[in-house]
Amino acid sequence: LATGMPLDDDEAARLYRRAAEQGSALAQFGLGQCHDQGKGVPQDDSEAARLYHLAAEQGMPEAIYNFAVFYELGRGMPQDVDEAARLYRRGADQGHPIAQYHIGNCYAHGKGVLQDDRE
C-alpha cells in the first residue's frame, strides 16, 4: 500500500483492469475482489467469479480458494459442491491454510467428497 496517499477505489479498479487485461493473475484477483465487494466498480458476483477463475487458472492459491467459495455458495454461478471440494483440495495442496480447513470440513461432512474422518 502507498502511504500518505488517499485511497481511491475507482483508480485502483481502473489500474487492476488494465493489468488484468494483460493477463496478470494478481490483477485479475484484485479486480475480482473489487467486483466481489463493490469497491470502485459495481458489485457483480458473476464478474468476480470470472476474474477469480482466470487467476485460479494461473495457479494463484487465493483465487482458487475464492473461486471454490463461489462454487460452494452458488455466487455468480450455479452451486456445485463437488467442484468446490475439488478446488478446495487444489488450494490446500498449494498450502492455502483456509482451503485446507475447508477441504477438511468437506471430508468431515461429506460435502462434495465421500465422508472420510481420516482425510
Protein backbone atom coordinates (compact mmCIF):
# COMPACT_ATOMS: atom_id res chain seq x y z
CA LEU A 1 0.00 0.00 0.00
CA ALA A 2 1.07 3.51 -0.71
CA THR A 3 1.46 5.58 2.41
CA GLY A 4 0.48 9.20 2.58
CA MET A 5 -1.89 8.91 -0.37
CA PRO A 6 -5.67 8.89 -0.16
CA LEU A 7 -7.36 5.60 -1.05
CA ASP A 8 -9.15 5.71 -4.39
CA ASP A 9 -11.18 2.58 -5.14
CA ASP A 10 -12.11 3.80 -8.64
CA GLU A 11 -8.47 4.33 -9.59
CA ALA A 12 -7.44 1.00 -8.06
CA ALA A 13 -10.12 -0.83 -10.06
CA ARG A 14 -9.07 1.01 -13.25
CA LEU A 15 -5.43 0.00 -12.76
CA TYR A 16 -6.33 -3.58 -11.83
CA ARG A 17 -8.42 -3.79 -15.01
CA ARG A 18 -5.53 -2.58 -17.15
CA ALA A 19 -3.16 -5.16 -15.71
CA ALA A 20 -5.82 -7.91 -15.67
CA GLU A 21 -6.42 -7.41 -19.39
CA GLN A 22 -2.69 -8.05 -19.88
CA GLY A 23 -3.00 -11.39 -18.07
CA SER A 24 -1.74 -10.56 -14.57
CA ALA A 25 -3.17 -13.13 -12.14
CA LEU A 26 -2.61 -10.75 -9.23
CA ALA A 27 -4.58 -8.02 -11.01
CA GLN A 28 -7.32 -10.44 -12.04
CA PHE A 29 -7.62 -11.46 -8.41
CA GLY A 30 -7.59 -7.83 -7.23
CA LEU A 31 -10.24 -6.80 -9.73
CA GLY A 32 -12.25 -9.85 -8.73
CA GLN A 33 -12.14 -8.62 -5.14
CA CYS A 34 -13.30 -5.18 -6.31
CA HIS A 35 -16.33 -6.75 -8.01
CA ASP A 36 -16.86 -9.10 -5.06
CA GLN A 37 -17.01 -6.18 -2.62
CA GLY A 38 -18.34 -3.42 -4.90
CA LYS A 39 -15.24 -1.25 -4.46
CA GLY A 40 -14.53 1.05 -7.39
CA VAL A 41 -16.91 -0.94 -9.59
CA PRO A 42 -20.47 -2.20 -9.17
CA GLN A 43 -20.76 -5.33 -7.04
CA ASP A 44 -21.09 -8.23 -9.50
CA ASP A 45 -20.78 -11.86 -8.41
CA SER A 46 -20.62 -13.18 -11.98
CA GLU A 47 -17.75 -10.87 -12.92
CA ALA A 48 -15.94 -11.60 -9.65
CA ALA A 49 -16.28 -15.35 -10.31
CA ARG A 50 -14.99 -14.92 -13.88
CA LEU A 51 -11.94 -13.00 -12.67
CA TYR A 52 -11.22 -15.40 -9.82
CA HIS A 53 -11.42 -18.21 -12.37
CA LEU A 54 -8.87 -16.50 -14.64
CA ALA A 55 -6.45 -16.03 -11.74
CA ALA A 56 -7.10 -19.56 -10.45
CA GLU A 57 -6.26 -20.98 -13.87
CA GLN A 58 -2.82 -19.40 -13.45
CA GLY A 59 -2.40 -21.24 -10.14
CA MET A 60 -2.96 -18.42 -7.65
CA PRO A 61 -3.96 -20.13 -4.36
CA GLU A 62 -6.02 -17.19 -3.06
CA ALA A 63 -8.01 -17.09 -6.30
CA ILE A 64 -8.51 -20.87 -6.23
CA TYR A 65 -9.89 -20.56 -2.71
CA ASN A 66 -12.22 -17.65 -3.56
CA PHE A 67 -13.44 -19.44 -6.69
CA ALA A 68 -14.18 -22.52 -4.56
CA VAL A 69 -16.24 -20.41 -2.15
CA PHE A 70 -18.25 -19.00 -5.05
CA TYR A 71 -18.99 -22.55 -6.25
CA GLU A 72 -19.91 -23.73 -2.76
CA LEU A 73 -22.32 -20.84 -2.22
CA GLY A 74 -23.58 -20.54 -5.80
CA ARG A 75 -22.42 -16.95 -6.09
CA GLY A 76 -22.34 -15.77 -9.70
CA MET A 77 -22.71 -19.33 -10.98
CA PRO A 78 -24.76 -22.43 -10.24
CA GLN A 79 -23.89 -24.02 -6.90
CA ASP A 80 -21.61 -27.06 -7.29
CA VAL A 81 -20.23 -28.54 -4.06
CA ASP A 82 -18.29 -31.20 -5.97
CA GLU A 83 -16.37 -28.54 -7.90
CA ALA A 84 -15.94 -26.51 -4.71
CA ALA A 85 -14.36 -29.52 -2.98
CA ARG A 86 -12.07 -30.12 -5.98
CA LEU A 87 -10.92 -26.51 -5.84
CA TYR A 88 -10.50 -26.54 -2.06
CA ARG A 89 -8.28 -29.61 -2.50
CA ARG A 90 -6.27 -27.81 -5.19
CA GLY A 91 -5.79 -24.75 -2.96
CA ALA A 92 -4.98 -26.92 0.05
CA ASP A 93 -2.37 -28.82 -1.93
CA GLN A 94 -0.72 -25.46 -2.66
CA GLY A 95 -0.57 -24.66 1.05
CA HIS A 96 -3.52 -22.25 1.38
CA PRO A 97 -4.48 -22.67 5.07
CA ILE A 98 -8.15 -21.70 4.76
CA ALA A 99 -8.57 -24.03 1.77
CA GLN A 100 -7.01 -26.76 3.94
CA TYR A 101 -9.62 -26.08 6.62
CA HIS A 102 -12.45 -26.13 4.08
CA ILE A 103 -11.40 -29.37 2.38
CA GLY A 104 -11.14 -30.93 5.85
CA ASN A 105 -14.66 -29.74 6.55
CA CYS A 106 -15.81 -31.23 3.24
CA TYR A 107 -14.37 -34.63 4.23
CA ALA A 108 -15.80 -34.39 7.75
CA HIS A 109 -19.31 -33.75 6.43
CA GLY A 110 -19.21 -35.50 3.06
CA LYS A 111 -19.71 -32.25 1.10
CA GLY A 112 -18.58 -32.82 -2.49
CA VAL A 113 -16.46 -35.80 -1.43
CA LEU A 114 -17.10 -39.07 0.36
CA GLN A 115 -17.16 -38.58 4.10
CA ASP A 116 -13.77 -39.66 5.48
CA ASP A 117 -12.71 -38.89 9.06
CA ARG A 118 -9.12 -39.97 8.33
CA GLU A 119 -8.68 -37.48 5.48
